């Protein structure tokens, strides 16, 4: 199932990927190939196979919730590239809209 260039550009924009022209062509070929393999698998007759929701045995693998000592704040902040007022400072990843100025 070949994908159009526009479909690949759309998927790249959804994934927030900035792809070059060469990368778009490569992704178009690779994604089309993957969808081709899926189409072959989709043709397999599974009428005699009972549906499964869980392949392996179902068991709850959670550890006990035990309170333990954490690292001292100074040790954590010593490894942080940036800090401010005793907290690790990170770069913003979302645009913050100021309702007072953007009304």
PDB file of N, CA and C in Angstrom:
ATOM      1  N   UNK A   1       0.845  -1.170   0.000  1.00  0.00           N
ATOM      2  CA  UNK A   1       0.000   0.000   0.000  1.00  0.00           C
ATOM      3  C   UNK A   1       0.894   1.237   0.000  1.00  0.00           C
ATOM      4  N   UNK A   2       1.140   1.807  -1.146  1.00  0.00           N
ATOM      5  CA  UNK A   2       2.027   2.978  -1.189  1.00  0.00           C
ATOM      6  C   UNK A   2       1.372   4.213  -0.575  1.00  0.00           C
ATOM      7  N   UNK A   3       2.155   4.926   0.211  1.00  0.00           N
ATOM      8  CA  UNK A   3       1.697   6.172   0.812  1.00  0.00           C
ATOM      9  C   UNK A   3       2.087   7.340  -0.084  1.00  0.00           C
ATOM     10  N   UNK A   4       1.233   8.335  -0.113  1.00  0.00           N
ATOM     11  CA  UNK A   4       1.573   9.538  -0.867  1.00  0.00           C
ATOM     12  C   UNK A   4       2.531  10.390  -0.040  1.00  0.00           C
ATOM     13  N   UNK A   5       3.226  11.274  -0.703  1.00  0.00           N
ATOM     14  CA  UNK A   5       4.146  12.180  -0.021  1.00  0.00           C
ATOM     15  C   UNK A   5       3.387  13.045   0.991  1.00  0.00           C
ATOM     16  N   UNK A   6       2.164  13.455   0.620  1.00  0.00           N
ATOM     17  CA  UNK A   6       1.360  14.286   1.516  1.00  0.00           C
ATOM     18  C   UNK A   6       1.010  13.527   2.796  1.00  0.00           C
ATOM     19  N   UNK A   7       0.715  12.229   2.682  1.00  0.00           N
ATOM     20  CA  UNK A   7       0.401  11.427   3.867  1.00  0.00           C
ATOM     21  C   UNK A   7       1.614  11.321   4.791  1.00  0.00           C
ATOM     22  N   UNK A   8       2.785  11.138   4.208  1.00  0.00           N
ATOM     23  CA  UNK A   8       4.006  11.055   5.008  1.00  0.00           C
ATOM     24  C   UNK A   8       4.289  12.397   5.675  1.00  0.00           C
ATOM     25  N   UNK A   9       4.093  13.491   4.953  1.00  0.00           N
ATOM     26  CA  UNK A   9       4.280  14.822   5.536  1.00  0.00           C
ATOM     27  C   UNK A   9       3.305  15.040   6.692  1.00  0.00           C
ATOM     28  N   UNK A  10       2.076  14.558   6.532  1.00  0.00           N
ATOM     29  CA  UNK A  10       1.069  14.700   7.592  1.00  0.00           C
ATOM     30  C   UNK A  10       1.479  13.914   8.833  1.00  0.00           C
ATOM     31  N   UNK A  11       1.914  12.673   8.648  1.00  0.00           N
ATOM     32  CA  UNK A  11       2.352  11.847   9.774  1.00  0.00           C
ATOM     33  C   UNK A  11       3.566  12.489  10.449  1.00  0.00           C
ATOM     34  N   UNK A  12       4.489  13.011   9.656  1.00  0.00           N
ATOM     35  CA  UNK A  12       5.674  13.670  10.215  1.00  0.00           C
ATOM     36  C   UNK A  12       5.283  14.899  11.026  1.00  0.00           C
ATOM     37  N   UNK A  13       4.305  15.647  10.544  1.00  0.00           N
ATOM     38  CA  UNK A  13       3.884  16.838  11.290  1.00  0.00           C
ATOM     39  C   UNK A  13       3.184  16.446  12.590  1.00  0.00           C
ATOM     40  N   UNK A  14       2.410  15.357  12.574  1.00  0.00           N
ATOM     41  CA  UNK A  14       1.770  14.881  13.803  1.00  0.00           C
ATOM     42  C   UNK A  14       2.810  14.452  14.834  1.00  0.00           C
ATOM     43  N   UNK A  15       3.901  13.867  14.344  1.00  0.00           N
ATOM     44  CA  UNK A  15       4.976  13.423  15.235  1.00  0.00           C
ATOM     45  C   UNK A  15       5.964  14.547  15.526  1.00  0.00           C
ATOM     46  N   UNK A  16       5.690  15.720  14.991  1.00  0.00           N
ATOM     47  CA  UNK A  16       6.549  16.891  15.171  1.00  0.00           C
ATOM     48  C   UNK A  16       7.978  16.620  14.695  1.00  0.00           C
ATOM     49  N   UNK A  17       8.077  15.967  13.523  1.00  0.00           N
ATOM     50  CA  UNK A  17       9.372  15.673  12.926  1.00  0.00           C
ATOM     51  C   UNK A  17       9.634  16.639  11.783  1.00  0.00           C
ATOM     52  N   UNK A  18      10.764  17.266  11.800  1.00  0.00           N
ATOM     53  CA  UNK A  18      11.170  18.108  10.684  1.00  0.00           C
ATOM     54  C   UNK A  18      12.041  17.286   9.756  1.00  0.00           C
ATOM     55  N   UNK A  19      11.481  16.811   8.658  1.00  0.00           N
ATOM     56  CA  UNK A  19      12.208  15.935   7.745  1.00  0.00           C
ATOM     57  C   UNK A  19      12.640  16.689   6.499  1.00  0.00           C
ATOM     58  N   UNK A  20      13.835  16.365   6.023  1.00  0.00           N
ATOM     59  CA  UNK A  20      14.314  16.937   4.766  1.00  0.00           C
ATOM     60  C   UNK A  20      13.614  16.230   3.612  1.00  0.00           C
ATOM     61  N   UNK A  21      13.822  16.726   2.406  1.00  0.00           N
ATOM     62  CA  UNK A  21      13.232  16.106   1.215  1.00  0.00           C
ATOM     63  C   UNK A  21      13.702  14.663   1.074  1.00  0.00           C
ATOM     64  N   UNK A  22      14.997  14.440   1.322  1.00  0.00           N
ATOM     65  CA  UNK A  22      15.541  13.082   1.216  1.00  0.00           C
ATOM     66  C   UNK A  22      14.937  12.170   2.282  1.00  0.00           C
ATOM     67  N   UNK A  23      14.795  12.692   3.497  1.00  0.00           N
ATOM     68  CA  UNK A  23      14.216  11.892   4.577  1.00  0.00           C
ATOM     69  C   UNK A  23      12.749  11.583   4.311  1.00  0.00           C
ATOM     70  N   UNK A  24      12.016  12.542   3.730  1.00  0.00           N
ATOM     71  CA  UNK A  24      10.614  12.286   3.379  1.00  0.00           C
ATOM     72  C   UNK A  24      10.512  11.154   2.364  1.00  0.00           C
ATOM     73  N   UNK A  25      11.381  11.170   1.363  1.00  0.00           N
ATOM     74  CA  UNK A  25      11.371  10.103   0.353  1.00  0.00           C
ATOM     75  C   UNK A  25      11.696   8.759   0.985  1.00  0.00           C
ATOM     76  N   UNK A  26      12.700   8.752   1.867  1.00  0.00           N
ATOM     77  CA  UNK A  26      13.080   7.514   2.543  1.00  0.00           C
ATOM     78  C   UNK A  26      11.936   7.001   3.415  1.00  0.00           C
ATOM     79  N   UNK A  27      11.314   7.894   4.187  1.00  0.00           N
ATOM     80  CA  UNK A  27      10.186   7.506   5.036  1.00  0.00           C
ATOM     81  C   UNK A  27       9.010   7.010   4.205  1.00  0.00           C
ATOM     82  N   UNK A  28       8.779   7.640   3.068  1.00  0.00           N
ATOM     83  CA  UNK A  28       7.687   7.212   2.190  1.00  0.00           C
ATOM     84  C   UNK A  28       7.923   5.773   1.745  1.00  0.00           C
ATOM     85  N   UNK A  29       9.150   5.457   1.340  1.00  0.00           N
ATOM     86  CA  UNK A  29       9.474   4.096   0.911  1.00  0.00           C
ATOM     87  C   UNK A  29       9.367   3.109   2.073  1.00  0.00           C
ATOM     88  N   UNK A  30       9.932   3.481   3.220  1.00  0.00           N
ATOM     89  CA  UNK A  30       9.949   2.563   4.356  1.00  0.00           C
ATOM     90  C   UNK A  30       8.550   2.319   4.916  1.00  0.00           C
ATOM     91  N   UNK A  31       7.763   3.383   5.075  1.00  0.00           N
ATOM     92  CA  UNK A  31       6.407   3.209   5.594  1.00  0.00           C
ATOM     93  C   UNK A  31       5.531   2.434   4.617  1.00  0.00           C
ATOM     94  N   UNK A  32       5.699   2.672   3.325  1.00  0.00           N
ATOM     95  CA  UNK A  32       4.943   1.912   2.322  1.00  0.00           C
ATOM     96  C   UNK A  32       5.307   0.437   2.390  1.00  0.00           C
ATOM     97  N   UNK A  33       6.586   0.149   2.592  1.00  0.00           N
ATOM     98  CA  UNK A  33       7.034  -1.237   2.714  1.00  0.00           C
ATOM     99  C   UNK A  33       6.441  -1.899   3.952  1.00  0.00           C
ATOM    100  N   UNK A  34       6.446  -1.186   5.067  1.00  0.00           N
ATOM    101  CA  UNK A  34       5.872  -1.724   6.307  1.00  0.00           C
ATOM    102  C   UNK A  34       4.388  -2.011   6.125  1.00  0.00           C
ATOM    103  N   UNK A  35       3.663  -1.078   5.516  1.00  0.00           N
ATOM    104  CA  UNK A  35       2.236  -1.297   5.286  1.00  0.00           C
ATOM    105  C   UNK A  35       2.002  -2.456   4.326  1.00  0.00           C
ATOM    106  N   UNK A  36       2.916  -2.660   3.383  1.00  0.00           N
ATOM    107  CA  UNK A  36       2.824  -3.812   2.487  1.00  0.00           C
ATOM    108  C   UNK A  36       2.951  -5.121   3.250  1.00  0.00           C
ATOM    109  N   UNK A  37       3.883  -5.171   4.198  1.00  0.00           N
ATOM    110  CA  UNK A  37       4.048  -6.371   5.029  1.00  0.00           C
ATOM    111  C   UNK A  37       2.803  -6.608   5.885  1.00  0.00           C
ATOM    112  N   UNK A  38       2.244  -5.546   6.411  1.00  0.00           N
ATOM    113  CA  UNK A  38       1.028  -5.673   7.221  1.00  0.00           C
ATOM    114  C   UNK A  38      -0.130  -6.179   6.363  1.00  0.00           C
ATOM    115  N   UNK A  39      -0.198  -5.738   5.119  1.00  0.00           N
ATOM    116  CA  UNK A  39      -1.255  -6.208   4.214  1.00  0.00           C
ATOM    117  C   UNK A  39      -1.130  -7.709   3.975  1.00  0.00           C
ATOM    118  N   UNK A  40       0.102  -8.210   3.868  1.00  0.00           N
ATOM    119  CA  UNK A  40       0.314  -9.653   3.693  1.00  0.00           C
ATOM    120  C   UNK A  40      -0.156 -10.399   4.941  1.00  0.00           C
ATOM    121  N   UNK A  41       0.200  -9.900   6.107  1.00  0.00           N
ATOM    122  CA  UNK A  41      -0.225 -10.533   7.363  1.00  0.00           C
ATOM    123  C   UNK A  41      -1.744 -10.497   7.486  1.00  0.00           C
ATOM    124  N   UNK A  42      -2.344  -9.414   7.020  1.00  0.00           N
ATOM    125  CA  UNK A  42      -3.796  -9.256   7.100  1.00  0.00           C
ATOM    126  C   UNK A  42      -4.528 -10.308   6.266  1.00  0.00           C
ATOM    127  N   UNK A  43      -3.863 -10.884   5.273  1.00  0.00           N
ATOM    128  CA  UNK A  43      -4.488 -11.884   4.403  1.00  0.00           C
ATOM    129  C   UNK A  43      -4.469 -13.287   5.006  1.00  0.00           C
ATOM    130  N   UNK A  44      -3.769 -13.478   6.107  1.00  0.00           N
ATOM    131  CA  UNK A  44      -3.686 -14.793   6.738  1.00  0.00           C
ATOM    132  C   UNK A  44      -5.062 -15.177   7.277  1.00  0.00           C
ATOM    133  N   UNK A  45      -5.475 -16.420   6.978  1.00  0.00           N
ATOM    134  CA  UNK A  45      -6.772 -16.916   7.430  1.00  0.00           C
ATOM    135  C   UNK A  45      -6.684 -17.284   8.910  1.00  0.00           C
ATOM    136  N   UNK A  46      -7.380 -16.543   9.731  1.00  0.00           N
ATOM    137  CA  UNK A  46      -7.368 -16.786  11.178  1.00  0.00           C
ATOM    138  C   UNK A  46      -8.722 -17.283  11.681  1.00  0.00           C
ATOM    139  N   UNK A  47      -9.542 -17.805  10.774  1.00  0.00           N
ATOM    140  CA  UNK A  47     -10.894 -18.239  11.149  1.00  0.00           C
ATOM    141  C   UNK A  47     -10.868 -19.349  12.194  1.00  0.00           C
ATOM    142  N   UNK A  48      -9.868 -20.217  12.154  1.00  0.00           N
ATOM    143  CA  UNK A  48      -9.802 -21.353  13.070  1.00  0.00           C
ATOM    144  C   UNK A  48      -9.018 -21.037  14.346  1.00  0.00           C
ATOM    145  N   UNK A  49      -8.594 -19.802  14.505  1.00  0.00           N
ATOM    146  CA  UNK A  49      -7.819 -19.411  15.685  1.00  0.00           C
ATOM    147  C   UNK A  49      -8.719 -18.607  16.612  1.00  0.00           C
ATOM    148  N   UNK A  50      -8.801 -19.069  17.850  1.00  0.00           N
ATOM    149  CA  UNK A  50      -9.655 -18.344  18.794  1.00  0.00           C
ATOM    150  C   UNK A  50      -8.979 -17.029  19.190  1.00  0.00           C
ATOM    151  N   UNK A  51      -9.783 -15.994  19.346  1.00  0.00           N
ATOM    152  CA  UNK A  51      -9.210 -14.693  19.700  1.00  0.00           C
ATOM    153  C   UNK A  51      -8.585 -14.710  21.093  1.00  0.00           C
ATOM    154  N   UNK A  52      -7.525 -13.968  21.246  1.00  0.00           N
ATOM    155  CA  UNK A  52      -6.872 -13.848  22.546  1.00  0.00           C
ATOM    156  C   UNK A  52      -6.735 -12.375  22.900  1.00  0.00           C
ATOM    157  N   UNK A  53      -6.880 -12.104  24.165  1.00  0.00           N
ATOM    158  CA  UNK A  53      -6.689 -10.735  24.631  1.00  0.00           C
ATOM    159  C   UNK A  53      -5.343 -10.608  25.325  1.00  0.00           C
ATOM    160  N   UNK A  54      -4.834 -11.726  25.857  1.00  0.00           N
ATOM    161  CA  UNK A  54      -3.559 -11.727  26.561  1.00  0.00           C
ATOM    162  C   UNK A  54      -2.785 -12.955  26.121  1.00  0.00           C
ATOM    163  N   UNK A  55      -1.618 -12.762  25.551  1.00  0.00           N
ATOM    164  CA  UNK A  55      -0.842 -13.881  25.039  1.00  0.00           C
ATOM    165  C   UNK A  55      -0.189 -14.655  26.175  1.00  0.00           C
ATOM    166  N   UNK A  56       0.436 -13.967  27.097  1.00  0.00           N
ATOM    167  CA  UNK A  56       1.104 -14.619  28.216  1.00  0.00           C
ATOM    168  C   UNK A  56       0.184 -14.756  29.402  1.00  0.00           C
ATOM    169  N   UNK A  57       0.718 -15.343  30.458  1.00  0.00           N
ATOM    170  CA  UNK A  57      -0.094 -15.474  31.667  1.00  0.00           C
ATOM    171  C   UNK A  57      -0.264 -14.095  32.298  1.00  0.00           C
ATOM    172  N   UNK A  58      -1.422 -13.900  32.866  1.00  0.00           N
ATOM    173  CA  UNK A  58      -1.729 -12.614  33.476  1.00  0.00           C
ATOM    174  C   UNK A  58      -1.342 -12.670  34.944  1.00  0.00           C
ATOM    175  N   UNK A  59      -0.431 -11.801  35.320  1.00  0.00           N
ATOM    176  CA  UNK A  59      -0.078 -11.687  36.732  1.00  0.00           C
ATOM    177  C   UNK A  59       0.293 -10.240  37.009  1.00  0.00           C
ATOM    178  N   UNK A  60       0.007  -9.823  38.181  1.00  0.00           N
ATOM    179  CA  UNK A  60       0.284  -8.456  38.578  1.00  0.00           C
ATOM    180  C   UNK A  60       1.706  -8.406  39.128  1.00  0.00           C
ATOM    181  N   UNK A  61       2.584  -7.725  38.416  1.00  0.00           N
ATOM    182  CA  UNK A  61       3.988  -7.706  38.793  1.00  0.00           C
ATOM    183  C   UNK A  61       4.377  -6.366  39.403  1.00  0.00           C
ATOM    184  N   UNK A  62       3.713  -5.981  40.454  1.00  0.00           N
ATOM    185  CA  UNK A  62       4.030  -4.725  41.114  1.00  0.00           C
ATOM    186  C   UNK A  62       4.817  -5.010  42.383  1.00  0.00           C
ATOM    187  N   UNK A  63       5.781  -4.177  42.638  1.00  0.00           N
ATOM    188  CA  UNK A  63       6.550  -4.329  43.871  1.00  0.00           C
ATOM    189  C   UNK A  63       5.783  -3.688  45.018  1.00  0.00           C
ATOM    190  N   UNK A  64       6.151  -4.037  46.203  1.00  0.00           N
ATOM    191  CA  UNK A  64       5.539  -3.424  47.379  1.00  0.00           C
ATOM    192  C   UNK A  64       5.918  -1.949  47.414  1.00  0.00           C
ATOM    193  N   UNK A  65       4.997  -1.128  47.836  1.00  0.00           N
ATOM    194  CA  UNK A  65       5.235   0.309  47.924  1.00  0.00           C
ATOM    195  C   UNK A  65       5.898   0.596  49.263  1.00  0.00           C
ATOM    196  N   UNK A  66       7.224   0.696  49.232  1.00  0.00           N
ATOM    197  CA  UNK A  66       7.995   0.876  50.451  1.00  0.00           C
ATOM    198  C   UNK A  66       8.679   2.234  50.400  1.00  0.00           C
ATOM    199  N   UNK A  67       8.576   2.981  51.465  1.00  0.00           N
ATOM    200  CA  UNK A  67       9.234   4.282  51.555  1.00  0.00           C
ATOM    201  C   UNK A  67      10.712   4.056  51.831  1.00  0.00           C
ATOM    202  N   UNK A  68      11.562   4.650  50.999  1.00  0.00           N
ATOM    203  CA  UNK A  68      13.008   4.561  51.195  1.00  0.00           C
ATOM    204  C   UNK A  68      13.596   5.961  51.141  1.00  0.00           C
ATOM    205  N   UNK A  69      14.815   6.069  51.576  1.00  0.00           N
ATOM    206  CA  UNK A  69      15.484   7.371  51.571  1.00  0.00           C
ATOM    207  C   UNK A  69      15.774   7.793  50.135  1.00  0.00           C
ATOM    208  N   UNK A  70      15.621   9.070  49.872  1.00  0.00           N
ATOM    209  CA  UNK A  70      15.935   9.590  48.543  1.00  0.00           C
ATOM    210  C   UNK A  70      17.279  10.300  48.590  1.00  0.00           C
ATOM    211  N   UNK A  71      17.739  10.724  47.431  1.00  0.00           N
ATOM    212  CA  UNK A  71      19.000  11.450  47.371  1.00  0.00           C
ATOM    213  C   UNK A  71      18.856  12.806  48.050  1.00  0.00           C
ATOM    214  N   UNK A  72      19.918  13.283  48.657  1.00  0.00           N
ATOM    215  CA  UNK A  72      19.867  14.628  49.220  1.00  0.00           C
ATOM    216  C   UNK A  72      19.706  15.668  48.109  1.00  0.00           C
ATOM    217  N   UNK A  73      18.993  16.731  48.396  1.00  0.00           N
ATOM    218  CA  UNK A  73      18.717  17.772  47.406  1.00  0.00           C
ATOM    219  C   UNK A  73      20.016  18.314  46.801  1.00  0.00           C
ATOM    220  N   UNK A  74      21.024  18.545  47.625  1.00  0.00           N
ATOM    221  CA  UNK A  74      22.283  19.099  47.117  1.00  0.00           C
ATOM    222  C   UNK A  74      22.934  18.166  46.098  1.00  0.00           C
ATOM    223  N   UNK A  75      22.841  16.857  46.313  1.00  0.00           N
ATOM    224  CA  UNK A  75      23.424  15.894  45.373  1.00  0.00           C
ATOM    225  C   UNK A  75      22.678  15.917  44.048  1.00  0.00           C
ATOM    226  N   UNK A  76      21.360  16.032  44.101  1.00  0.00           N
ATOM    227  CA  UNK A  76      20.560  16.088  42.874  1.00  0.00           C
ATOM    228  C   UNK A  76      20.860  17.372  42.116  1.00  0.00           C
ATOM    229  N   UNK A  77      20.853  18.490  42.818  1.00  0.00           N
ATOM    230  CA  UNK A  77      21.095  19.778  42.165  1.00  0.00           C
ATOM    231  C   UNK A  77      22.515  19.884  41.626  1.00  0.00           C
ATOM    232  N   UNK A  78      23.469  19.183  42.233  1.00  0.00           N
ATOM    233  CA  UNK A  78      24.847  19.208  41.746  1.00  0.00           C
ATOM    234  C   UNK A  78      24.952  18.598  40.355  1.00  0.00           C
ATOM    235  N   UNK A  79      24.046  17.687  40.008  1.00  0.00           N
ATOM    236  CA  UNK A  79      24.061  17.042  38.697  1.00  0.00           C
ATOM    237  C   UNK A  79      23.142  17.714  37.688  1.00  0.00           C
ATOM    238  N   UNK A  80      22.405  18.724  38.118  1.00  0.00           N
ATOM    239  CA  UNK A  80      21.470  19.407  37.215  1.00  0.00           C
ATOM    240  C   UNK A  80      22.221  20.438  36.382  1.00  0.00           C
ATOM    241  N   UNK A  81      21.959  20.477  35.073  1.00  0.00           N
ATOM    242  CA  UNK A  81      22.635  21.472  34.239  1.00  0.00           C
ATOM    243  C   UNK A  81      22.240  22.898  34.604  1.00  0.00           C
ATOM    244  N   UNK A  82      20.990  23.096  35.035  1.00  0.00           N
ATOM    245  CA  UNK A  82      20.517  24.428  35.435  1.00  0.00           C
ATOM    246  C   UNK A  82      19.633  24.270  36.661  1.00  0.00           C
ATOM    247  N   UNK A  83      19.726  25.238  37.548  1.00  0.00           N
ATOM    248  CA  UNK A  83      18.876  25.220  38.734  1.00  0.00           C
ATOM    249  C   UNK A  83      18.505  26.643  39.104  1.00  0.00           C
ATOM    250  N   UNK A  84      17.383  26.754  39.794  1.00  0.00           N
ATOM    251  CA  UNK A  84      16.929  28.063  40.242  1.00  0.00           C
ATOM    252  C   UNK A  84      16.138  27.876  41.530  1.00  0.00           C
ATOM    253  N   UNK A  85      16.494  28.620  42.545  1.00  0.00           N
ATOM    254  CA  UNK A  85      15.794  28.614  43.835  1.00  0.00           C
ATOM    255  C   UNK A  85      15.631  27.208  44.420  1.00  0.00           C
ATOM    256  N   UNK A  86      16.654  26.370  44.272  1.00  0.00           N
ATOM    257  CA  UNK A  86      16.607  25.032  44.842  1.00  0.00           C
ATOM    258  C   UNK A  86      15.841  24.011  44.026  1.00  0.00           C
ATOM    259  N   UNK A  87      15.483  24.357  42.790  1.00  0.00           N
ATOM    260  CA  UNK A  87      14.763  23.439  41.906  1.00  0.00           C
ATOM    261  C   UNK A  87      15.555  23.255  40.618  1.00  0.00           C
ATOM    262  N   UNK A  88      15.353  22.118  39.956  1.00  0.00           N
ATOM    263  CA  UNK A  88      15.956  21.893  38.649  1.00  0.00           C
ATOM    264  C   UNK A  88      15.181  22.709  37.635  1.00  0.00           C
ATOM    265  N   UNK A  89      15.898  23.487  36.830  1.00  0.00           N
ATOM    266  CA  UNK A  89      15.255  24.309  35.803  1.00  0.00           C
ATOM    267  C   UNK A  89      15.336  23.566  34.473  1.00  0.00           C
ATOM    268  N   UNK A  90      14.204  23.443  33.801  1.00  0.00           N
ATOM    269  CA  UNK A  90      14.150  22.763  32.508  1.00  0.00           C
ATOM    270  C   UNK A  90      13.599  23.717  31.464  1.00  0.00           C
ATOM    271  N   UNK A  91      13.879  23.410  30.203  1.00  0.00           N
ATOM    272  CA  UNK A  91      13.368  24.230  29.108  1.00  0.00           C
ATOM    273  C   UNK A  91      11.875  24.007  28.940  1.00  0.00           C
ATOM    274  N   UNK A  92      11.175  25.063  28.566  1.00  0.00           N
ATOM    275  CA  UNK A  92       9.735  24.958  28.315  1.00  0.00           C
ATOM    276  C   UNK A  92       9.502  24.132  27.058  1.00  0.00           C
ATOM    277  N   UNK A  93       8.487  23.268  27.090  1.00  0.00           N
ATOM    278  CA  UNK A  93       8.146  22.479  25.909  1.00  0.00           C
ATOM    279  C   UNK A  93       6.772  22.833  25.369  1.00  0.00           C
ATOM    280  N   UNK A  94       6.011  23.594  26.115  1.00  0.00           N
ATOM    281  CA  UNK A  94       4.682  24.009  25.686  1.00  0.00           C
ATOM    282  C   UNK A  94       4.631  25.522  25.638  1.00  0.00           C
ATOM    283  N   UNK A  95       3.884  26.047  24.698  1.00  0.00           N
ATOM    284  CA  UNK A  95       3.668  27.482  24.643  1.00  0.00           C
ATOM    285  C   UNK A  95       2.650  27.852  25.707  1.00  0.00           C
ATOM    286  N   UNK A  96       3.001  28.788  26.538  1.00  0.00           N
ATOM    287  CA  UNK A  96       2.099  29.249  27.584  1.00  0.00           C
ATOM    288  C   UNK A  96       1.420  30.512  27.089  1.00  0.00           C
ATOM    289  N   UNK A  97       0.100  30.522  27.155  1.00  0.00           N
ATOM    290  CA  UNK A  97      -0.674  31.672  26.707  1.00  0.00           C
ATOM    291  C   UNK A  97      -1.020  32.508  27.926  1.00  0.00           C
ATOM    292  N   UNK A  98      -0.653  33.767  27.876  1.00  0.00           N
ATOM    293  CA  UNK A  98      -0.990  34.685  28.952  1.00  0.00           C
ATOM    294  C   UNK A  98      -2.333  35.296  28.613  1.00  0.00           C
ATOM    295  N   UNK A  99      -3.361  34.916  29.368  1.00  0.00           N
ATOM    296  CA  UNK A  99      -4.727  35.354  29.052  1.00  0.00           C
ATOM    297  C   UNK A  99      -4.899  36.854  29.201  1.00  0.00           C
ATOM    298  N   UNK A 100      -4.096  37.491  30.049  1.00  0.00           N
ATOM    299  CA  UNK A 100      -4.229  38.932  30.244  1.00  0.00           C
ATOM    300  C   UNK A 100      -3.769  39.709  29.020  1.00  0.00           C
ATOM    301  N   UNK A 101      -2.700  39.248  28.364  1.00  0.00           N
ATOM    302  CA  UNK A 101      -2.158  39.998  27.231  1.00  0.00           C
ATOM    303  C   UNK A 101      -2.655  39.489  25.888  1.00  0.00           C
ATOM    304  N   UNK A 102      -3.188  38.261  25.835  1.00  0.00           N
ATOM    305  CA  UNK A 102      -3.632  37.679  24.564  1.00  0.00           C
ATOM    306  C   UNK A 102      -5.138  37.732  24.380  1.00  0.00           C
ATOM    307  N   UNK A 103      -5.838  38.539  25.132  1.00  0.00           N
ATOM    308  CA  UNK A 103      -7.301  38.590  25.033  1.00  0.00           C
ATOM    309  C   UNK A 103      -7.727  39.336  23.806  1.00  0.00           C
TER     310      UNK A 103
END
